Amino acid sequence: MLQKTYIKFLFLLFIIFINSCGDQAGEFGFAVTQDAGKTDLELDLEKVNEYKMMKEKIIFSPKDTIHYVFRFAQNPLAPYSSKDEFSVSLEKESLGFVEIDLKKKFMNTDSTVLQDKFKNLDIGHYVMKISFEGELIDSVYFDVVPDEGYSLKDDDDNFKDTEKDEIVRYSR
């Protein structure tokens, strides 16, 4: 009787362990370089080694070259290897998200990371998705904003000066 209870407990513990190891999400890291005015040789020799790991409130400039790295979670039972092909999708928001770039990537052989870069992104709201065999592994949202930022103050001031209806003018 005690042996059956012990086996049930071990089986339950094993199930909990498998479930906790099942999360395949990882971490995103970003670095930025300014490539304007650099020669092709300088761009080839430039290697980014330091990334800031982040997932929220990510903002870039349209002039930036955005280097990213995706580090897979440390999972001893992970089914991924350096021979597996992953999809990296970049989507821009425009009446919903529209795919603007799709790359096939392999994990680095010396580490469990995917890395690449995006250049010349237009101003907007983006989502980058990492997937394997059609299954979404992880995603991250980021924004590309103008260098001067957004300002609606000037538009409101001009509107208030030109609007004749006092109710509309003072309700803004």
C-alpha atoms as a PDB file:
ATOM      1  CA  MET A   1       0.000   0.000   0.000  1.00  0.00           C
ATOM      2  CA  LEU A   2       2.798   2.390   0.919  1.00  0.00           C
ATOM      3  CA  GLN A   3       4.626   1.481  -2.283  1.00  0.00           C
ATOM      4  CA  LYS A   4       1.592   2.423  -4.447  1.00  0.00           C
ATOM      5  CA  THR A   5       1.297   5.785  -2.681  1.00  0.00           C
ATOM      6  CA  TYR A   6       5.014   6.372  -3.188  1.00  0.00           C
ATOM      7  CA  ILE A   7       4.753   5.543  -6.919  1.00  0.00           C
ATOM      8  CA  LYS A   8       1.754   7.882  -7.296  1.00  0.00           C
ATOM      9  CA  PHE A   9       3.687  10.654  -5.545  1.00  0.00           C
ATOM     10  CA  LEU A  10       6.710  10.162  -7.826  1.00  0.00           C
ATOM     11  CA  PHE A  11       4.472  10.129 -10.902  1.00  0.00           C
ATOM     12  CA  LEU A  12       2.793  13.375  -9.776  1.00  0.00           C
ATOM     13  CA  LEU A  13       6.188  14.951  -9.084  1.00  0.00           C
ATOM     14  CA  PHE A  14       7.393  13.879 -12.537  1.00  0.00           C
ATOM     15  CA  ILE A  15       4.303  15.451 -14.201  1.00  0.00           C
ATOM     16  CA  ILE A  16       4.887  18.728 -12.337  1.00  0.00           C
ATOM     17  CA  PHE A  17       8.545  18.689 -13.399  1.00  0.00           C
ATOM     18  CA  ILE A  18       7.646  18.110 -17.057  1.00  0.00           C
ATOM     19  CA  ASN A  19       5.079  20.929 -16.996  1.00  0.00           C
ATOM     20  CA  SER A  20       7.527  23.375 -15.450  1.00  0.00           C
ATOM     21  CA  CYS A  21      10.118  22.504 -18.094  1.00  0.00           C
ATOM     22  CA  GLY A  22       7.604  22.826 -20.916  1.00  0.00           C
ATOM     23  CA  ASP A  23       7.779  26.606 -21.216  1.00  0.00           C
ATOM     24  CA  GLN A  24       9.805  27.270 -24.366  1.00  0.00           C
ATOM     25  CA  ALA A  25       9.815  31.067 -24.138  1.00  0.00           C
ATOM     26  CA  GLY A  26      13.109  32.867 -23.922  1.00  0.00           C
ATOM     27  CA  GLU A  27      14.509  36.376 -23.651  1.00  0.00           C
ATOM     28  CA  PHE A  28      14.867  39.110 -26.241  1.00  0.00           C
ATOM     29  CA  GLY A  29      17.893  41.367 -26.276  1.00  0.00           C
ATOM     30  CA  PHE A  30      18.495  44.458 -28.380  1.00  0.00           C
ATOM     31  CA  ALA A  31      21.425  46.640 -29.391  1.00  0.00           C
ATOM     32  CA  VAL A  32      21.490  49.636 -31.717  1.00  0.00           C
ATOM     33  CA  THR A  33      24.107  50.879 -34.153  1.00  0.00           C
ATOM     34  CA  GLN A  34      24.187  53.876 -36.465  1.00  0.00           C
ATOM     35  CA  ASP A  35      25.282  52.673 -39.899  1.00  0.00           C
ATOM     36  CA  ALA A  36      24.980  55.975 -41.787  1.00  0.00           C
ATOM     37  CA  GLY A  37      28.264  56.953 -43.438  1.00  0.00           C
ATOM     38  CA  LYS A  38      30.028  53.645 -42.773  1.00  0.00           C
ATOM     39  CA  THR A  39      31.737  51.722 -45.543  1.00  0.00           C
ATOM     40  CA  ASP A  40      30.841  48.134 -46.377  1.00  0.00           C
ATOM     41  CA  LEU A  41      34.096  46.977 -44.811  1.00  0.00           C
ATOM     42  CA  GLU A  42      33.307  48.774 -41.538  1.00  0.00           C
ATOM     43  CA  LEU A  43      29.845  47.235 -41.487  1.00  0.00           C
ATOM     44  CA  ASP A  44      31.275  43.744 -42.072  1.00  0.00           C
ATOM     45  CA  LEU A  45      33.866  44.124 -39.316  1.00  0.00           C
ATOM     46  CA  GLU A  46      31.442  45.572 -36.786  1.00  0.00           C
ATOM     47  CA  LYS A  47      30.205  42.949 -34.341  1.00  0.00           C
ATOM     48  CA  VAL A  48      27.705  43.596 -31.578  1.00  0.00           C
ATOM     49  CA  ASN A  49      28.590  41.793 -28.368  1.00  0.00           C
ATOM     50  CA  GLU A  50      26.401  43.471 -25.763  1.00  0.00           C
ATOM     51  CA  TYR A  51      22.622  43.340 -25.811  1.00  0.00           C
ATOM     52  CA  LYS A  52      20.141  44.796 -23.363  1.00  0.00           C
ATOM     53  CA  MET A  53      17.637  42.096 -22.436  1.00  0.00           C
ATOM     54  CA  MET A  54      14.143  43.607 -22.461  1.00  0.00           C
ATOM     55  CA  LYS A  55      10.567  42.885 -23.424  1.00  0.00           C
ATOM     56  CA  GLU A  56       8.586  46.058 -22.633  1.00  0.00           C
ATOM     57  CA  LYS A  57       8.672  49.742 -23.567  1.00  0.00           C
ATOM     58  CA  ILE A  58      11.112  49.240 -26.434  1.00  0.00           C
ATOM     59  CA  ILE A  59      11.613  52.305 -28.638  1.00  0.00           C
ATOM     60  CA  PHE A  60      13.946  52.836 -31.601  1.00  0.00           C
ATOM     61  CA  SER A  61      14.711  55.578 -34.115  1.00  0.00           C
ATOM     62  CA  PRO A  62      14.196  55.146 -37.880  1.00  0.00           C
ATOM     63  CA  LYS A  63      17.949  55.784 -38.302  1.00  0.00           C
ATOM     64  CA  ASP A  64      18.873  52.836 -36.055  1.00  0.00           C
ATOM     65  CA  THR A  65      20.047  49.449 -37.183  1.00  0.00           C
ATOM     66  CA  ILE A  66      18.330  47.183 -34.678  1.00  0.00           C
ATOM     67  CA  HIS A  67      20.364  44.130 -33.688  1.00  0.00           C
ATOM     68  CA  TYR A  68      18.397  41.499 -31.806  1.00  0.00           C
ATOM     69  CA  VAL A  69      19.150  38.286 -30.027  1.00  0.00           C
ATOM     70  CA  PHE A  70      16.685  35.689 -28.778  1.00  0.00           C
ATOM     71  CA  ARG A  71      18.059  33.450 -26.051  1.00  0.00           C
ATOM     72  CA  PHE A  72      16.106  30.273 -25.480  1.00  0.00           C
ATOM     73  CA  ALA A  73      15.140  29.367 -21.928  1.00  0.00           C
ATOM     74  CA  GLN A  74      17.567  27.023 -20.208  1.00  0.00           C
ATOM     75  CA  ASN A  75      15.632  23.796 -20.444  1.00  0.00           C
ATOM     76  CA  PRO A  76      17.371  20.431 -20.187  1.00  0.00           C
ATOM     77  CA  LEU A  77      14.553  18.785 -22.141  1.00  0.00           C
ATOM     78  CA  ALA A  78      14.399  21.422 -24.893  1.00  0.00           C
ATOM     79  CA  PRO A  79      13.662  19.815 -28.244  1.00  0.00           C
ATOM     80  CA  TYR A  80      15.665  22.402 -30.217  1.00  0.00           C
ATOM     81  CA  SER A  81      19.118  22.002 -31.710  1.00  0.00           C
ATOM     82  CA  SER A  82      21.411  24.068 -33.926  1.00  0.00           C
ATOM     83  CA  LYS A  83      20.122  22.111 -36.943  1.00  0.00           C
ATOM     84  CA  ASP A  84      16.514  23.255 -36.464  1.00  0.00           C
ATOM     85  CA  GLU A  85      15.170  26.025 -38.682  1.00  0.00           C
ATOM     86  CA  PHE A  86      13.244  28.838 -36.966  1.00  0.00           C
ATOM     87  CA  SER A  87      11.075  31.547 -38.475  1.00  0.00           C
ATOM     88  CA  VAL A  88      11.531  35.170 -37.442  1.00  0.00           C
ATOM     89  CA  SER A  89       8.588  37.278 -38.525  1.00  0.00           C
ATOM     90  CA  LEU A  90       8.424  41.078 -38.369  1.00  0.00           C
ATOM     91  CA  GLU A  91       4.961  42.600 -38.587  1.00  0.00           C
ATOM     92  CA  LYS A  92       3.937  46.270 -38.703  1.00  0.00           C
ATOM     93  CA  GLU A  93       0.617  47.554 -37.424  1.00  0.00           C
ATOM     94  CA  SER A  94      -1.604  48.904 -40.177  1.00  0.00           C
ATOM     95  CA  LEU A  95      -5.293  48.074 -39.637  1.00  0.00           C
ATOM     96  CA  GLY A  96      -4.026  45.007 -37.819  1.00  0.00           C
ATOM     97  CA  PHE A  97      -0.545  43.578 -38.084  1.00  0.00           C
ATOM     98  CA  VAL A  98       0.839  42.956 -41.578  1.00  0.00           C
ATOM     99  CA  GLU A  99       3.917  40.791 -42.136  1.00  0.00           C
ATOM    100  CA  ILE A 100       6.705  42.849 -43.714  1.00  0.00           C
ATOM    101  CA  ASP A 101       9.685  40.521 -43.231  1.00  0.00           C
ATOM    102  CA  LEU A 102      10.124  36.790 -42.767  1.00  0.00           C
ATOM    103  CA  LYS A 103      13.523  35.187 -42.192  1.00  0.00           C
ATOM    104  CA  LYS A 104      14.569  31.600 -41.698  1.00  0.00           C
ATOM    105  CA  LYS A 105      17.255  31.352 -39.010  1.00  0.00           C
ATOM    106  CA  PHE A 106      19.321  28.674 -37.327  1.00  0.00           C
ATOM    107  CA  MET A 107      20.453  28.707 -33.723  1.00  0.00           C
ATOM    108  CA  ASN A 108      24.119  29.597 -33.178  1.00  0.00           C
ATOM    109  CA  THR A 109      26.111  26.389 -32.821  1.00  0.00           C
ATOM    110  CA  ASP A 110      28.076  27.630 -29.791  1.00  0.00           C
ATOM    111  CA  SER A 111      25.074  28.977 -27.856  1.00  0.00           C
ATOM    112  CA  THR A 112      21.298  28.710 -27.699  1.00  0.00           C
ATOM    113  CA  VAL A 113      20.540  32.029 -29.408  1.00  0.00           C
ATOM    114  CA  LEU A 114      19.112  33.383 -32.641  1.00  0.00           C
ATOM    115  CA  GLN A 115      20.507  36.719 -33.781  1.00  0.00           C
ATOM    116  CA  ASP A 116      20.141  39.096 -36.697  1.00  0.00           C
ATOM    117  CA  LYS A 117      19.295  42.722 -37.434  1.00  0.00           C
ATOM    118  CA  PHE A 118      16.688  44.971 -39.019  1.00  0.00           C
ATOM    119  CA  LYS A 119      17.473  48.192 -40.887  1.00  0.00           C
ATOM    120  CA  ASN A 120      15.548  51.121 -42.303  1.00  0.00           C
ATOM    121  CA  LEU A 121      12.294  50.504 -40.443  1.00  0.00           C
ATOM    122  CA  ASP A 122       9.583  53.091 -40.957  1.00  0.00           C
ATOM    123  CA  ILE A 123       7.874  54.855 -38.086  1.00  0.00           C
ATOM    124  CA  GLY A 124       5.240  52.610 -36.523  1.00  0.00           C
ATOM    125  CA  HIS A 125       4.316  49.857 -34.076  1.00  0.00           C
ATOM    126  CA  TYR A 126       5.898  46.434 -34.696  1.00  0.00           C
ATOM    127  CA  VAL A 127       5.774  42.880 -33.387  1.00  0.00           C
ATOM    128  CA  MET A 128       8.573  40.359 -33.868  1.00  0.00           C
ATOM    129  CA  LYS A 129       7.633  36.682 -33.572  1.00  0.00           C
ATOM    130  CA  ILE A 130       9.863  33.624 -33.181  1.00  0.00           C
ATOM    131  CA  SER A 131       8.280  30.349 -34.269  1.00  0.00           C
ATOM    132  CA  PHE A 132       9.242  26.745 -34.899  1.00  0.00           C
ATOM    133  CA  GLU A 133       7.282  24.478 -37.240  1.00  0.00           C
ATOM    134  CA  GLY A 134       4.304  26.853 -37.172  1.00  0.00           C
ATOM    135  CA  GLU A 135       4.178  27.074 -33.361  1.00  0.00           C
ATOM    136  CA  LEU A 136       4.766  30.502 -31.814  1.00  0.00           C
ATOM    137  CA  ILE A 137       7.602  30.359 -29.293  1.00  0.00           C
ATOM    138  CA  ASP A 138       7.682  34.014 -28.209  1.00  0.00           C
ATOM    139  CA  SER A 139       7.004  37.536 -29.438  1.00  0.00           C
ATOM    140  CA  VAL A 140       7.925  41.114 -28.553  1.00  0.00           C
ATOM    141  CA  TYR A 141       6.368  44.484 -29.396  1.00  0.00           C
ATOM    142  CA  PHE A 142       8.368  47.620 -30.101  1.00  0.00           C
ATOM    143  CA  ASP A 143       7.945  51.093 -31.597  1.00  0.00           C
ATOM    144  CA  VAL A 144       9.951  53.105 -34.089  1.00  0.00           C
ATOM    145  CA  VAL A 145       9.383  56.806 -33.420  1.00  0.00           C
ATOM    146  CA  PRO A 146      10.825  59.942 -35.044  1.00  0.00           C
ATOM    147  CA  ASP A 147      13.961  61.390 -33.465  1.00  0.00           C
ATOM    148  CA  GLU A 148      12.050  64.495 -32.402  1.00  0.00           C
ATOM    149  CA  GLY A 149       9.250  62.392 -30.898  1.00  0.00           C
ATOM    150  CA  TYR A 150       5.541  62.983 -31.229  1.00  0.00           C
ATOM    151  CA  SER A 151       3.945  66.307 -30.394  1.00  0.00           C
ATOM    152  CA  LEU A 152       0.296  67.198 -30.719  1.00  0.00           C
ATOM    153  CA  LYS A 153       0.568  70.475 -28.794  1.00  0.00           C
ATOM    154  CA  ASP A 154       1.144  72.669 -31.857  1.00  0.00           C
ATOM    155  CA  ASP A 155      -1.872  71.220 -33.670  1.00  0.00           C
ATOM    156  CA  ASP A 156      -4.148  71.858 -30.692  1.00  0.00           C
ATOM    157  CA  ASP A 157      -2.935  75.451 -30.296  1.00  0.00           C
ATOM    158  CA  ASN A 158      -3.564  76.221 -33.979  1.00  0.00           C
ATOM    159  CA  PHE A 159      -6.988  74.573 -33.763  1.00  0.00           C
ATOM    160  CA  LYS A 160      -7.961  76.674 -30.720  1.00  0.00           C
ATOM    161  CA  ASP A 161      -6.952  79.896 -32.444  1.00  0.00           C
ATOM    162  CA  THR A 162      -8.900  79.192 -35.647  1.00  0.00           C
ATOM    163  CA  GLU A 163     -12.042  77.552 -34.202  1.00  0.00           C
ATOM    164  CA  LYS A 164     -15.013  79.954 -34.027  1.00  0.00           C
ATOM    165  CA  ASP A 165     -17.331  77.772 -31.946  1.00  0.00           C
ATOM    166  CA  GLU A 166     -16.462  78.390 -28.281  1.00  0.00           C
ATOM    167  CA  ILE A 167     -17.864  75.041 -27.095  1.00  0.00           C
ATOM    168  CA  VAL A 168     -15.617  73.100 -29.493  1.00  0.00           C
ATOM    169  CA  ARG A 169     -12.612  75.359 -28.880  1.00  0.00           C
ATOM    170  CA  TYR A 170     -12.686  75.009 -25.061  1.00  0.00           C
ATOM    171  CA  SER A 171     -13.698  71.348 -24.960  1.00  0.00           C
ATOM    172  CA  ARG A 172     -10.363  70.146 -26.319  1.00  0.00           C
END
